[in-house]
Amino acid sequence: MSQAIQTNDIKNEIKNTNNNKGAGFTLNTDKSLWNVEKGGFIVTVTFENVDELTMENINKMYDKYDDIISTYKDTVKIGAFNLENDNGVDIDLNIRLEDKEKAIKLGKQFNQESIFNANNFECIELNSRSENSQITTENEIVEVIENV
């Protein structure tokens, strides 16, 4: 796939996510669209809410967590999601897990509203989200990744 096609795909995903509640997407470490066919469970460990999703916002998240993203390429993903009961769009730092029970436990630990089941493209509802439970320091994120 050419870089031009990939860039257009991401632009379309950004537009779709901005305009549609419940829409979202996940990116690889190289900022290409993640192939959800790999399956697993996506759990958000920290996020930033923005009024409007742009590639610039996404790049800021990549820059902020660059060391973690490059070290844990197969585990850490950046995503964006337009929550149905929230204002704006969340840019998420996610962890991809194979084990459903571990993913649910981690999602509950961080008071996530839901986790994404990439095996069947459905969200698993957990509970209400609380910004107080998110982690933001690199050391905290690395500790979570290495302990799941």
C-alpha atoms as a PDB file:
ATOM      1  CA  MET A   1       0.000   0.000   0.000  1.00  0.00           C
ATOM      2  CA  SER A   2       1.393   3.359  -0.947  1.00  0.00           C
ATOM      3  CA  GLN A   3       1.969   6.090   1.629  1.00  0.00           C
ATOM      4  CA  ALA A   4      -0.515   8.345  -0.226  1.00  0.00           C
ATOM      5  CA  ILE A   5      -3.319   5.791   0.115  1.00  0.00           C
ATOM      6  CA  GLN A   6      -2.497   5.229   3.787  1.00  0.00           C
ATOM      7  CA  THR A   7      -2.510   8.986   4.459  1.00  0.00           C
ATOM      8  CA  ASN A   8      -5.928   9.339   2.808  1.00  0.00           C
ATOM      9  CA  ASP A   9      -7.237   6.415   4.864  1.00  0.00           C
ATOM     10  CA  ILE A  10      -6.132   8.105   8.093  1.00  0.00           C
ATOM     11  CA  LYS A  11      -7.621  11.448   7.002  1.00  0.00           C
ATOM     12  CA  ASN A  12     -10.915   9.655   6.342  1.00  0.00           C
ATOM     13  CA  GLU A  13     -10.770   7.952   9.750  1.00  0.00           C
ATOM     14  CA  ILE A  14     -10.113  11.292  11.475  1.00  0.00           C
ATOM     15  CA  LYS A  15     -13.060  12.893   9.682  1.00  0.00           C
ATOM     16  CA  ASN A  16     -15.337   9.939  10.462  1.00  0.00           C
ATOM     17  CA  THR A  17     -14.305   9.920  14.136  1.00  0.00           C
ATOM     18  CA  ASN A  18     -14.880  13.670  14.514  1.00  0.00           C
ATOM     19  CA  ASN A  19     -18.341  13.445  12.952  1.00  0.00           C
ATOM     20  CA  ASN A  20     -19.746  10.238  14.439  1.00  0.00           C
ATOM     21  CA  LYS A  21     -20.308   9.290  18.068  1.00  0.00           C
ATOM     22  CA  GLY A  22     -19.034   5.764  18.681  1.00  0.00           C
ATOM     23  CA  ALA A  23     -16.512   5.956  15.824  1.00  0.00           C
ATOM     24  CA  GLY A  24     -12.811   5.373  16.306  1.00  0.00           C
ATOM     25  CA  PHE A  25      -9.643   3.771  15.013  1.00  0.00           C
ATOM     26  CA  THR A  26      -6.282   2.443  16.181  1.00  0.00           C
ATOM     27  CA  LEU A  27      -2.825   3.083  14.759  1.00  0.00           C
ATOM     28  CA  ASN A  28       0.429   1.155  14.675  1.00  0.00           C
ATOM     29  CA  THR A  29       3.678   2.609  15.949  1.00  0.00           C
ATOM     30  CA  ASP A  30       4.457   3.874  12.416  1.00  0.00           C
ATOM     31  CA  LYS A  31       1.077   5.699  12.352  1.00  0.00           C
ATOM     32  CA  SER A  32      -0.416   3.323   9.814  1.00  0.00           C
ATOM     33  CA  LEU A  33      -3.892   1.942  10.496  1.00  0.00           C
ATOM     34  CA  TRP A  34      -3.761  -1.088  12.777  1.00  0.00           C
ATOM     35  CA  ASN A  35      -5.010  -4.333  11.271  1.00  0.00           C
ATOM     36  CA  VAL A  36      -7.726  -5.380  13.705  1.00  0.00           C
ATOM     37  CA  GLU A  37      -7.664  -8.865  12.212  1.00  0.00           C
ATOM     38  CA  LYS A  38      -4.803  -9.546  14.639  1.00  0.00           C
ATOM     39  CA  GLY A  39      -7.479  -9.591  17.328  1.00  0.00           C
ATOM     40  CA  GLY A  40      -6.981  -9.202  21.032  1.00  0.00           C
ATOM     41  CA  PHE A  41      -8.403  -6.749  23.527  1.00  0.00           C
ATOM     42  CA  ILE A  42      -7.635  -3.027  23.578  1.00  0.00           C
ATOM     43  CA  VAL A  43      -7.453  -1.298  26.969  1.00  0.00           C
ATOM     44  CA  THR A  44      -6.900   2.434  27.395  1.00  0.00           C
ATOM     45  CA  VAL A  45      -4.416   3.335  30.126  1.00  0.00           C
ATOM     46  CA  THR A  46      -4.317   7.086  29.531  1.00  0.00           C
ATOM     47  CA  PHE A  47      -5.951   9.553  27.176  1.00  0.00           C
ATOM     48  CA  GLU A  48      -6.262  13.173  26.197  1.00  0.00           C
ATOM     49  CA  ASN A  49      -9.588  14.695  25.242  1.00  0.00           C
ATOM     50  CA  VAL A  50      -9.562  17.172  22.346  1.00  0.00           C
ATOM     51  CA  ASP A  51     -12.344  19.283  20.889  1.00  0.00           C
ATOM     52  CA  GLU A  52     -11.432  18.226  17.370  1.00  0.00           C
ATOM     53  CA  LEU A  53      -9.224  15.338  16.304  1.00  0.00           C
ATOM     54  CA  THR A  54      -6.377  16.282  13.963  1.00  0.00           C
ATOM     55  CA  MET A  55      -3.181  14.593  12.842  1.00  0.00           C
ATOM     56  CA  GLU A  56      -1.355  17.258  14.856  1.00  0.00           C
ATOM     57  CA  ASN A  57      -3.144  16.094  18.054  1.00  0.00           C
ATOM     58  CA  ILE A  58      -2.249  12.500  17.274  1.00  0.00           C
ATOM     59  CA  ASN A  59       1.395  13.435  16.624  1.00  0.00           C
ATOM     60  CA  LYS A  60       1.546  15.176  20.011  1.00  0.00           C
ATOM     61  CA  MET A  61       0.438  11.939  21.714  1.00  0.00           C
ATOM     62  CA  TYR A  62       3.079   9.981  19.777  1.00  0.00           C
ATOM     63  CA  ASP A  63       5.732  12.523  20.756  1.00  0.00           C
ATOM     64  CA  LYS A  64       4.701  12.500  24.410  1.00  0.00           C
ATOM     65  CA  TYR A  65       4.979   8.699  24.691  1.00  0.00           C
ATOM     66  CA  ASP A  66       7.610   8.056  22.001  1.00  0.00           C
ATOM     67  CA  ASP A  67       9.929   5.942  24.163  1.00  0.00           C
ATOM     68  CA  ILE A  68       7.127   3.661  25.330  1.00  0.00           C
ATOM     69  CA  ILE A  69       5.614   3.327  21.862  1.00  0.00           C
ATOM     70  CA  SER A  70       8.959   2.378  20.295  1.00  0.00           C
ATOM     71  CA  THR A  71       9.924  -0.008  23.086  1.00  0.00           C
ATOM     72  CA  TYR A  72       6.598  -1.875  23.221  1.00  0.00           C
ATOM     73  CA  LYS A  73       5.653  -1.841  19.507  1.00  0.00           C
ATOM     74  CA  ASP A  74       3.539  -4.993  19.637  1.00  0.00           C
ATOM     75  CA  THR A  75       1.696  -4.012  22.816  1.00  0.00           C
ATOM     76  CA  VAL A  76       1.155  -0.233  22.777  1.00  0.00           C
ATOM     77  CA  LYS A  77      -1.206   1.390  20.275  1.00  0.00           C
ATOM     78  CA  ILE A  78      -2.471   4.935  19.848  1.00  0.00           C
ATOM     79  CA  GLY A  79      -6.152   5.227  19.075  1.00  0.00           C
ATOM     80  CA  ALA A  80      -8.934   7.743  18.856  1.00  0.00           C
ATOM     81  CA  PHE A  81     -12.537   7.286  19.922  1.00  0.00           C
ATOM     82  CA  ASN A  82     -15.577   9.542  19.940  1.00  0.00           C
ATOM     83  CA  LEU A  83     -17.405   8.403  23.063  1.00  0.00           C
ATOM     84  CA  GLU A  84     -21.163   8.550  22.821  1.00  0.00           C
ATOM     85  CA  ASN A  85     -21.643  10.250  26.187  1.00  0.00           C
ATOM     86  CA  ASP A  86     -18.643  12.589  26.104  1.00  0.00           C
ATOM     87  CA  ASN A  87     -17.668  15.853  24.480  1.00  0.00           C
ATOM     88  CA  GLY A  88     -14.841  15.890  21.979  1.00  0.00           C
ATOM     89  CA  VAL A  89     -12.684  12.965  20.960  1.00  0.00           C
ATOM     90  CA  ASP A  90     -10.295  10.975  23.135  1.00  0.00           C
ATOM     91  CA  ILE A  91      -6.806  10.189  21.874  1.00  0.00           C
ATOM     92  CA  ASP A  92      -5.855   7.045  23.734  1.00  0.00           C
ATOM     93  CA  LEU A  93      -2.662   5.293  24.693  1.00  0.00           C
ATOM     94  CA  ASN A  94      -3.782   1.668  24.577  1.00  0.00           C
ATOM     95  CA  ILE A  95      -2.396  -1.694  25.534  1.00  0.00           C
ATOM     96  CA  ARG A  96      -3.290  -4.694  23.376  1.00  0.00           C
ATOM     97  CA  LEU A  97      -3.718  -7.937  25.305  1.00  0.00           C
ATOM     98  CA  GLU A  98      -4.549 -11.458  24.176  1.00  0.00           C
ATOM     99  CA  ASP A  99      -6.122 -12.492  27.486  1.00  0.00           C
ATOM    100  CA  LYS A 100      -9.716 -11.292  27.942  1.00  0.00           C
ATOM    101  CA  GLU A 101      -9.768 -11.611  31.738  1.00  0.00           C
ATOM    102  CA  LYS A 102      -6.519  -9.630  32.097  1.00  0.00           C
ATOM    103  CA  ALA A 103      -7.917  -6.966  29.764  1.00  0.00           C
ATOM    104  CA  ILE A 104     -11.144  -6.687  31.772  1.00  0.00           C
ATOM    105  CA  LYS A 105      -9.204  -6.491  35.038  1.00  0.00           C
ATOM    106  CA  LEU A 106      -6.940  -3.771  33.661  1.00  0.00           C
ATOM    107  CA  GLY A 107      -9.889  -1.841  32.222  1.00  0.00           C
ATOM    108  CA  LYS A 108     -11.646  -1.927  35.592  1.00  0.00           C
ATOM    109  CA  GLN A 109      -8.428  -0.889  37.356  1.00  0.00           C
ATOM    110  CA  PHE A 110      -8.442   2.287  35.263  1.00  0.00           C
ATOM    111  CA  ASN A 111     -12.225   2.785  35.533  1.00  0.00           C
ATOM    112  CA  GLN A 112     -12.682   2.490  31.803  1.00  0.00           C
ATOM    113  CA  GLU A 113     -16.194   2.621  30.432  1.00  0.00           C
ATOM    114  CA  SER A 114     -15.354  -0.277  28.112  1.00  0.00           C
ATOM    115  CA  ILE A 115     -12.577  -2.180  26.382  1.00  0.00           C
ATOM    116  CA  PHE A 116     -12.522  -3.075  22.701  1.00  0.00           C
ATOM    117  CA  ASN A 117     -12.729  -6.706  21.659  1.00  0.00           C
ATOM    118  CA  ALA A 118     -10.926  -6.785  18.313  1.00  0.00           C
ATOM    119  CA  ASN A 119     -11.883 -10.440  17.873  1.00  0.00           C
ATOM    120  CA  ASN A 120     -15.528  -9.578  17.238  1.00  0.00           C
ATOM    121  CA  PHE A 121     -15.378  -5.762  16.840  1.00  0.00           C
ATOM    122  CA  GLU A 122     -17.506  -5.100  19.916  1.00  0.00           C
ATOM    123  CA  CYS A 123     -16.987  -3.133  23.085  1.00  0.00           C
ATOM    124  CA  ILE A 124     -17.124  -4.943  26.395  1.00  0.00           C
ATOM    125  CA  GLU A 125     -18.900  -2.617  28.815  1.00  0.00           C
ATOM    126  CA  LEU A 126     -17.214  -2.236  32.207  1.00  0.00           C
ATOM    127  CA  ASN A 127     -18.186   0.838  34.224  1.00  0.00           C
ATOM    128  CA  SER A 128     -18.041   4.632  34.217  1.00  0.00           C
ATOM    129  CA  ARG A 129     -14.820   6.334  33.312  1.00  0.00           C
ATOM    130  CA  SER A 130     -13.021   8.535  35.799  1.00  0.00           C
ATOM    131  CA  GLU A 131     -10.163  10.791  34.752  1.00  0.00           C
ATOM    132  CA  ASN A 132      -8.704  10.415  38.232  1.00  0.00           C
ATOM    133  CA  SER A 133      -7.716   6.824  37.553  1.00  0.00           C
ATOM    134  CA  GLN A 134      -5.684   7.347  34.416  1.00  0.00           C
ATOM    135  CA  ILE A 135      -1.916   7.153  34.533  1.00  0.00           C
ATOM    136  CA  THR A 136       0.307   9.579  32.707  1.00  0.00           C
ATOM    137  CA  THR A 137       3.933   9.103  33.706  1.00  0.00           C
ATOM    138  CA  GLU A 138       6.121   6.865  31.613  1.00  0.00           C
ATOM    139  CA  ASN A 139       7.222   4.877  34.667  1.00  0.00           C
ATOM    140  CA  GLU A 140       3.604   4.099  35.624  1.00  0.00           C
ATOM    141  CA  ILE A 141       2.754   3.034  32.073  1.00  0.00           C
ATOM    142  CA  VAL A 142       5.848   0.817  31.781  1.00  0.00           C
ATOM    143  CA  GLU A 143       4.996  -0.796  35.123  1.00  0.00           C
ATOM    144  CA  VAL A 144       1.482  -1.632  33.881  1.00  0.00           C
ATOM    145  CA  ILE A 145       2.768  -3.036  30.583  1.00  0.00           C
ATOM    146  CA  GLU A 146       5.376  -5.209  32.250  1.00  0.00           C
ATOM    147  CA  ASN A 147       2.926  -6.545  34.856  1.00  0.00           C
ATOM    148  CA  VAL A 148       0.136  -7.712  32.560  1.00  0.00           C
END
